[in-house]
Amino acid sequence: MEEIMKKRLLTMIAAAGLSVSMLAGCGSNAAADQPSADVTQAAQQSEELAEAPAQATAPKYEVYTDPNGYTVTYDANNINVNIGENMASFVYMGESAGSCMVIISYVEGKSGEEALTELSSAWGDESAIEKSEGIFPGTEDVKGYWHTLKTDGSGSGLNETGIARDYKDGALVVEVLTHIGGDDAIDIPASDALAQVIDSITFTEDVQNISIDDVLVREHEMTTDITDCDTFTQVVDKLPAGKGYANVKAGDTDVLLVASGTFDNGDGYMAAIDAEVFAYDADGKITYLGYVTSGGTAYPLAAGDGKLYSAGNHFAAVSTVDKLKLKDSMQAWVEYDADGNATYYTSKDGADAVKADDDSVLTKMYDEMFDSEIIEFSTVQ
């Protein structure tokens, strides 16, 4: 059963069952005495690969522990983890046909089916979405809802899959974005890396009491290489395939945004949910200002009037650059107690949180973000 689920998972996230290891375990029904030319060639290639000296980098497995009660094991050699409120994204950093990532989100107050329907409604034509039910990853008997965007292999090669379950006081949603280019040498490692992330999901009561602050206080570590770069163009030229970049204005400062990955926003261009922010200092040297991130693809980074917008299901933030410092000029968020009662907070210019009377500030910030322009990113090929 486990092998069948893995094969199904790979088929859904890669649109064509890309894992060689999974396919090899399927067996075969020989219908002819002689193998086909394709089979013979594949066998010869397998022998050549077996005889070739091993050059693969040893896996560097690390464990991400989420305060919502689950863990994920990933290979730090090719997966970069980004953390937001009630969200963690696992971005494949190896060579790929486009952005490849897994985003795991906890959505409070909605069932698994409701949260997944909300997610997949942003993919476009509902008739192109296949819906099914199965076992949720990391469990043996928990019902999961599966939505997959059907593609014909044309266009950017983007494939989207969502998996959700009822969880605690809401839903846990796994969103998978892959780009399939038709080159197995590139597609298979990317697919296997994401499948490993999903297969490793483990639920444990031992992490239920970790504070969200214990996770979010961890500073983002810059991954963009700006060594010996004098211009933004030189920075972009060093970016690996799959990363995204955009030039926008934050405050009165022209900044370069470098995203860990991009996705098709459905409007004919690529968007992103996170970005490292760079600017030129007074001496013309490129400097790293900080990092902005949203809580999933429903909230792509946006910009307008010198402001950078990011958000999630329970928070919104407006960032800008002042005196070469990236700062949150306004933040608003909501927290829920054990009975589901909401308490709203705001913070201006990094000051201490202030309890708000209602959700009016948070709602206004959402409206501002959605009225702004989604930032269009270019994807490194």
Protein backbone atom coordinates (compact mmCIF):
# COMPACT_ATOMS: atom_id res chain seq x y z
CA MET A 1 0.00 0.00 0.00
CA GLU A 2 2.82 2.41 0.90
CA GLU A 3 4.55 1.81 -2.44
CA ILE A 4 1.28 2.41 -4.30
CA MET A 5 0.74 5.70 -2.49
CA LYS A 6 4.28 6.82 -3.29
CA LYS A 7 3.78 6.03 -6.95
CA ARG A 8 0.49 7.87 -6.95
CA LEU A 9 2.06 10.87 -5.24
CA LEU A 10 4.85 11.09 -7.77
CA THR A 11 2.40 10.79 -10.61
CA MET A 12 0.37 13.66 -9.24
CA ILE A 13 3.24 16.03 -8.52
CA ALA A 14 5.24 15.26 -11.63
CA ALA A 15 2.37 14.59 -14.04
CA ALA A 16 4.00 11.42 -15.30
CA GLY A 17 5.43 9.21 -12.52
CA LEU A 18 9.01 10.40 -12.71
CA SER A 19 10.71 8.38 -9.96
CA VAL A 20 12.91 5.68 -11.37
CA SER A 21 13.15 3.98 -8.00
CA MET A 22 9.36 3.72 -7.74
CA LEU A 23 8.93 2.49 -11.29
CA ALA A 24 11.61 -0.12 -10.82
CA GLY A 25 9.61 -1.73 -8.04
CA CYS A 26 6.50 -2.22 -10.13
CA GLY A 27 7.51 -5.43 -11.86
CA SER A 28 6.42 -6.26 -15.43
CA ASN A 29 4.25 -8.64 -17.45
CA ALA A 30 6.34 -9.90 -20.35
CA ALA A 31 4.23 -10.29 -23.47
CA ALA A 32 7.05 -11.14 -25.90
CA ASP A 33 10.08 -13.39 -25.95
CA GLN A 34 12.47 -10.63 -27.02
CA PRO A 35 12.92 -7.31 -25.22
CA SER A 36 12.14 -4.17 -27.20
CA ALA A 37 14.88 -1.89 -28.46
CA ASP A 38 13.90 0.67 -25.81
CA VAL A 39 14.20 -1.91 -23.03
CA THR A 40 17.57 -3.12 -24.34
CA GLN A 41 18.86 0.42 -24.56
CA ALA A 42 17.61 1.20 -21.05
CA ALA A 43 19.34 -1.92 -19.72
CA GLN A 44 22.60 -0.91 -21.38
CA GLN A 45 22.32 2.56 -19.93
CA SER A 46 21.65 1.11 -16.46
CA GLU A 47 24.78 -1.06 -16.75
CA GLU A 48 26.83 1.97 -17.80
CA LEU A 49 25.51 3.97 -14.85
CA ALA A 50 26.25 1.10 -12.47
CA GLU A 51 29.85 0.91 -13.71
CA ALA A 52 30.39 4.68 -13.53
CA PRO A 53 32.20 6.00 -10.45
CA ALA A 54 29.88 7.40 -7.80
CA GLN A 55 30.04 11.19 -7.72
CA ALA A 56 26.83 12.04 -5.90
CA THR A 57 27.05 14.25 -2.85
CA ALA A 58 26.18 12.45 0.37
CA PRO A 59 22.75 13.52 1.65
CA LYS A 60 22.73 16.08 4.44
CA TYR A 61 19.48 15.28 6.18
CA GLU A 62 17.98 17.81 8.55
CA VAL A 63 14.67 17.83 10.40
CA TYR A 64 12.27 20.77 10.41
CA THR A 65 9.96 20.81 13.43
CA ASP A 66 6.78 22.83 13.11
CA PRO A 67 4.92 24.20 16.13
CA ASN A 68 1.66 22.88 14.68
CA GLY A 69 2.67 19.32 15.42
CA TYR A 70 4.53 17.81 12.48
CA THR A 71 8.10 17.28 11.33
CA VAL A 72 9.69 17.08 7.88
CA THR A 73 13.03 15.51 6.99
CA TYR A 74 14.82 17.02 4.00
CA ASP A 75 18.19 16.99 2.27
CA ALA A 76 19.79 20.35 3.00
CA ASN A 77 22.04 19.92 -0.02
CA ASN A 78 19.16 20.64 -2.37
CA ILE A 79 16.24 21.90 -0.27
CA ASN A 80 15.98 25.39 1.22
CA VAL A 81 13.43 25.94 4.01
CA ASN A 82 11.56 29.24 4.38
CA ILE A 83 9.34 29.85 7.39
CA GLY A 84 6.30 32.08 7.77
CA GLU A 85 3.38 32.23 10.16
CA ASN A 86 1.63 28.83 10.09
CA MET A 87 3.56 28.03 6.89
CA ALA A 88 6.82 26.43 5.81
CA SER A 89 8.05 26.10 2.23
CA PHE A 90 10.61 23.58 1.02
CA VAL A 91 12.20 24.88 -2.18
CA TYR A 92 14.25 22.65 -4.47
CA MET A 93 17.55 24.41 -5.21
CA GLY A 94 18.97 21.99 -7.78
CA GLU A 95 18.74 22.37 -11.54
CA SER A 96 15.14 22.24 -12.74
CA ALA A 97 12.89 23.35 -15.58
CA GLY A 98 11.37 25.97 -13.26
CA SER A 99 10.46 26.48 -9.64
CA CYS A 100 9.79 23.31 -7.65
CA MET A 101 8.57 23.50 -4.07
CA VAL A 102 6.37 22.07 -1.34
CA ILE A 103 4.40 24.49 0.85
CA ILE A 104 2.80 23.19 4.04
CA SER A 105 0.24 25.46 5.70
CA TYR A 106 -1.99 25.23 8.73
CA VAL A 107 -5.32 26.96 8.05
CA GLU A 108 -7.34 27.59 11.18
CA GLY A 109 -11.12 27.52 11.20
CA LYS A 110 -11.63 25.62 7.92
CA SER A 111 -12.01 21.95 7.11
CA GLY A 112 -9.48 20.22 4.89
CA GLU A 113 -11.92 20.14 2.00
CA GLU A 114 -12.79 23.83 2.40
CA ALA A 115 -9.16 24.95 2.59
CA LEU A 116 -8.18 22.89 -0.44
CA THR A 117 -11.11 24.15 -2.50
CA GLU A 118 -10.09 27.72 -1.68
CA LEU A 119 -6.52 26.97 -2.77
CA SER A 120 -7.37 25.23 -6.04
CA SER A 121 -9.96 27.86 -7.00
CA ALA A 122 -7.03 30.16 -7.73
CA TRP A 123 -5.65 27.72 -10.33
CA GLY A 124 -8.19 28.67 -12.97
CA ASP A 125 -10.78 26.56 -14.80
CA GLU A 126 -12.38 24.22 -12.25
CA SER A 127 -13.10 21.68 -14.98
CA ALA A 128 -9.33 21.22 -15.34
CA ILE A 129 -8.95 20.16 -11.70
CA GLU A 130 -9.08 16.46 -10.83
CA LYS A 131 -10.48 15.80 -7.35
CA SER A 132 -10.08 12.61 -5.39
CA GLU A 133 -9.65 11.23 -1.89
CA GLY A 134 -6.92 9.09 -0.38
CA ILE A 135 -4.68 8.65 2.65
CA PHE A 136 -2.94 11.81 3.82
CA PRO A 137 0.90 11.59 3.74
CA GLY A 138 2.48 10.61 7.03
CA THR A 139 -0.59 8.72 8.23
CA GLU A 140 -2.01 5.23 7.82
CA ASP A 141 -5.73 5.94 7.98
CA VAL A 142 -6.37 9.69 7.90
CA LYS A 143 -8.58 10.83 5.03
CA GLY A 144 -6.94 13.25 2.64
CA TYR A 145 -8.40 15.38 -0.14
CA TRP A 146 -6.41 15.60 -3.38
CA HIS A 147 -6.76 18.25 -6.11
CA THR A 148 -4.56 18.14 -9.22
CA LEU A 149 -4.45 20.64 -12.05
CA LYS A 150 -4.59 18.71 -15.33
CA THR A 151 -2.06 19.89 -17.91
CA ASP A 152 -1.36 18.90 -21.50
CA GLY A 153 2.41 19.31 -21.18
CA SER A 154 2.47 22.61 -23.05
CA GLY A 155 3.32 26.06 -21.75
CA SER A 156 5.67 26.48 -18.80
CA GLY A 157 5.38 22.85 -17.69
CA LEU A 158 3.82 23.93 -14.39
CA ASN A 159 2.02 21.22 -12.42
CA GLU A 160 0.08 21.95 -9.24
CA THR A 161 -1.22 19.53 -6.65
CA GLY A 162 -2.91 20.18 -3.32
CA ILE A 163 -3.43 17.67 -0.51
CA ALA A 164 -5.39 18.54 2.63
CA ARG A 165 -6.77 16.97 5.77
CA ASP A 166 -8.84 18.04 8.76
CA TYR A 167 -6.30 18.90 11.44
CA LYS A 168 -6.65 20.21 14.98
CA ASP A 169 -8.96 23.26 14.80
CA GLY A 170 -8.61 23.65 11.06
CA ALA A 171 -6.80 22.08 8.12
CA LEU A 172 -3.30 21.12 7.09
CA VAL A 173 -2.64 21.78 3.41
CA VAL A 174 0.29 20.51 1.34
CA GLU A 175 0.73 22.48 -1.88
CA VAL A 176 3.13 21.08 -4.50
CA LEU A 177 4.41 23.09 -7.46
CA THR A 178 6.68 21.53 -10.07
CA HIS A 179 7.88 22.43 -13.54
CA ILE A 180 8.45 19.49 -15.88
CA GLY A 181 10.65 20.17 -18.88
CA GLY A 182 10.86 16.72 -20.43
CA ASP A 183 14.51 16.11 -19.52
CA ASP A 184 14.57 13.15 -17.12
CA ALA A 185 18.09 14.01 -15.96
CA ILE A 186 16.67 17.23 -14.50
CA ASP A 187 13.04 16.31 -13.80
CA ILE A 188 13.66 13.09 -11.87
CA PRO A 189 16.01 14.50 -9.17
CA ALA A 190 13.63 17.41 -8.59
CA SER A 191 10.62 15.10 -8.35
CA ASP A 192 12.43 12.70 -6.02
CA ALA A 193 13.53 15.53 -3.72
CA LEU A 194 9.97 16.81 -3.31
CA ALA A 195 8.56 13.30 -2.92
CA GLN A 196 11.08 12.69 -0.13
CA VAL A 197 9.88 15.81 1.66
CA ILE A 198 6.24 14.73 1.46
CA ASP A 199 6.94 11.10 2.35
CA SER A 200 8.84 12.23 5.46
CA ILE A 201 5.94 14.11 7.07
CA THR A 202 5.50 12.79 10.59
CA PHE A 203 2.95 13.81 13.19
CA THR A 204 3.89 13.82 16.83
CA GLU A 205 2.32 15.19 20.00
CA ASP A 206 5.82 15.93 21.30
CA VAL A 207 5.98 19.19 19.34
CA GLN A 208 2.48 20.46 20.08
CA ASN A 209 3.63 22.89 22.74
CA ILE A 210 6.39 24.64 20.80
CA SER A 211 5.65 28.36 20.55
CA ILE A 212 5.37 29.89 17.10
CA ASP A 213 7.93 32.42 18.33
CA ASP A 214 10.45 29.61 18.79
CA VAL A 215 10.36 29.10 15.06
CA LEU A 216 9.79 32.59 13.67
CA VAL A 217 12.58 34.25 15.61
CA ARG A 218 15.09 32.26 13.56
CA GLU A 219 16.59 34.79 11.17
CA HIS A 220 16.63 34.08 7.49
CA GLU A 221 20.08 33.21 6.22
CA MET A 222 20.92 34.88 2.92
CA THR A 223 21.41 32.34 0.13
CA THR A 224 22.14 34.67 -2.80
CA ASP A 225 25.81 34.91 -3.75
CA ILE A 226 26.77 38.58 -4.18
CA THR A 227 30.51 37.99 -3.90
CA ASP A 228 32.49 40.24 -6.28
CA CYS A 229 29.25 41.61 -7.75
CA ASP A 230 29.22 45.32 -8.56
CA THR A 231 25.81 45.44 -10.27
CA PHE A 232 22.41 43.81 -9.94
CA THR A 233 22.97 42.28 -13.37
CA GLN A 234 26.04 40.48 -12.11
CA VAL A 235 24.04 39.13 -9.16
CA VAL A 236 21.35 37.85 -11.52
CA ASP A 237 23.96 36.26 -13.77
CA LYS A 238 25.11 34.11 -10.83
CA LEU A 239 21.65 32.90 -9.81
CA PRO A 240 20.94 29.17 -10.27
CA ALA A 241 18.10 27.91 -12.44
CA GLY A 242 14.67 28.18 -10.86
CA LYS A 243 15.33 31.33 -8.85
CA GLY A 244 13.37 34.48 -9.61
CA TYR A 245 14.32 38.14 -9.68
CA ALA A 246 12.58 41.49 -10.01
CA ASN A 247 13.40 45.19 -9.72
CA VAL A 248 11.00 47.36 -7.73
CA LYS A 249 11.05 50.53 -5.68
CA ALA A 250 10.76 50.31 -1.89
CA GLY A 251 10.41 53.72 -0.34
CA ASP A 252 12.66 55.89 -2.50
CA THR A 253 15.13 53.05 -3.05
CA ASP A 254 15.52 50.86 -6.13
CA VAL A 255 15.87 47.29 -4.89
CA LEU A 256 16.55 43.89 -6.38
CA LEU A 257 14.31 41.08 -5.17
CA VAL A 258 15.64 37.53 -5.41
CA ALA A 259 13.03 34.80 -4.87
CA SER A 260 13.80 31.21 -3.93
CA GLY A 261 11.34 30.13 -6.63
CA THR A 262 8.50 31.38 -8.81
CA PHE A 263 5.09 30.13 -9.87
CA ASP A 264 2.61 30.88 -12.62
CA ASN A 265 0.06 33.23 -11.12
CA GLY A 266 -2.49 32.42 -13.80
CA ASP A 267 -2.22 35.86 -15.39
CA GLY A 268 0.49 34.96 -17.86
CA TYR A 269 3.44 35.89 -15.69
CA MET A 270 5.45 34.51 -12.78
CA ALA A 271 5.01 35.54 -9.15
CA ALA A 272 6.76 34.63 -5.87
CA ILE A 273 5.96 34.31 -2.18
CA ASP A 274 9.38 35.20 -0.76
CA ALA A 275 12.37 37.35 -1.65
CA GLU A 276 15.72 38.53 -0.39
CA VAL A 277 16.05 42.29 -0.79
CA PHE A 278 19.20 44.04 -2.07
CA ALA A 279 20.13 47.67 -2.71
CA TYR A 280 23.15 49.84 -3.48
CA ASP A 281 24.66 51.64 -0.51
CA ALA A 282 26.07 55.20 -0.57
CA ASP A 283 29.32 53.88 -2.05
CA GLY A 284 27.55 51.95 -4.78
CA LYS A 285 28.19 48.58 -3.13
CA ILE A 286 25.45 45.94 -3.17
CA THR A 287 24.12 45.26 0.31
CA TYR A 288 21.59 42.77 1.70
CA LEU A 289 18.69 44.52 3.43
CA GLY A 290 16.53 41.62 4.57
CA TYR A 291 13.83 39.17 3.64
CA VAL A 292 10.08 39.28 2.98
CA THR A 293 7.77 36.28 2.78
CA SER A 294 4.08 35.47 2.39
CA GLY A 295 2.14 32.49 3.69
CA GLY A 296 1.46 30.70 0.39
CA THR A 297 0.69 31.22 -3.28
CA ALA A 298 -2.71 32.73 -2.47
CA TYR A 299 -0.72 35.78 -1.32
CA PRO A 300 1.96 36.55 -3.95
CA LEU A 301 4.29 39.42 -3.13
CA ALA A 302 2.92 42.74 -4.31
CA ALA A 303 4.17 46.33 -4.56
CA GLY A 304 2.80 49.84 -4.95
CA ASP A 305 3.64 53.40 -3.91
CA GLY A 306 7.02 52.33 -2.61
CA LYS A 307 5.55 49.59 -0.41
CA LEU A 308 6.14 45.84 -0.43
CA TYR A 309 3.15 43.72 0.58
CA SER A 310 3.19 40.21 2.06
CA ALA A 311 0.46 38.27 3.82
CA GLY A 312 -0.91 34.93 4.96
CA ASN A 313 -4.19 33.54 6.22
CA HIS A 314 -3.78 35.32 9.56
CA PHE A 315 -1.38 38.21 8.95
CA ALA A 316 -0.47 41.06 6.63
CA ALA A 317 2.64 43.22 6.47
CA VAL A 318 3.72 46.36 4.66
CA SER A 319 7.48 46.76 4.26
CA THR A 320 9.58 49.61 2.95
CA VAL A 321 13.19 50.77 2.83
CA ASP A 322 14.26 53.81 4.85
CA LYS A 323 17.88 54.91 5.23
CA LEU A 324 19.00 51.63 3.66
CA LYS A 325 17.09 49.54 6.21
CA LEU A 326 14.21 47.19 5.40
CA LYS A 327 11.47 47.64 7.97
CA ASP A 328 7.85 46.68 8.49
CA SER A 329 6.00 49.99 8.55
CA MET A 330 2.81 48.17 9.55
CA GLN A 331 1.87 44.66 10.64
CA ALA A 332 -1.51 43.23 11.59
CA TRP A 333 -2.43 39.71 12.61
CA VAL A 334 -4.96 37.59 14.44
CA GLU A 335 -4.47 34.91 17.08
CA TYR A 336 -7.05 32.36 18.26
CA ASP A 337 -7.49 30.82 21.67
CA ALA A 338 -8.46 27.21 22.34
CA ASP A 339 -12.14 28.07 21.91
CA GLY A 340 -11.62 29.74 18.56
CA ASN A 341 -12.02 33.30 19.85
CA ALA A 342 -10.03 35.83 17.82
CA THR A 343 -7.76 38.56 19.18
CA TYR A 344 -6.37 41.12 16.75
CA TYR A 345 -3.03 42.92 17.00
CA THR A 346 -1.14 45.63 15.15
CA SER A 347 2.43 46.89 15.19
CA LYS A 348 3.68 50.09 13.57
CA ASP A 349 7.31 50.68 12.59
CA GLY A 350 8.49 47.66 14.57
CA ALA A 351 7.00 48.86 17.88
CA ASP A 352 5.49 46.52 20.45
CA ALA A 353 2.22 44.84 19.53
CA VAL A 354 -0.98 46.69 20.37
CA LYS A 355 -4.30 44.88 20.81
CA ALA A 356 -6.85 46.06 18.27
CA ASP A 357 -10.59 46.39 18.84
CA ASP A 358 -11.50 44.44 15.69
CA ASP A 359 -10.22 43.19 12.34
CA SER A 360 -10.55 46.54 10.55
CA VAL A 361 -6.80 47.21 10.26
CA LEU A 362 -6.06 43.68 9.07
CA THR A 363 -8.90 43.84 6.54
CA LYS A 364 -7.69 47.22 5.26
CA MET A 365 -4.19 45.84 4.77
CA TYR A 366 -5.53 42.86 2.83
CA ASP A 367 -7.50 45.27 0.62
CA GLU A 368 -4.41 47.40 0.02
CA MET A 369 -2.40 44.36 -0.96
CA PHE A 370 -5.00 43.00 -3.35
CA ASP A 371 -5.39 46.45 -4.95
CA SER A 372 -1.63 46.66 -5.54
CA GLU A 373 0.33 45.14 -8.41
CA ILE A 374 1.53 41.58 -8.02
CA ILE A 375 5.27 41.70 -8.58
CA GLU A 376 6.26 40.08 -11.85
CA PHE A 377 9.39 37.96 -11.47
CA SER A 378 11.68 36.68 -14.18
CA THR A 379 12.71 33.04 -13.72
CA VAL A 380 16.31 31.97 -14.23
CA GLN A 381 16.45 29.22 -16.84
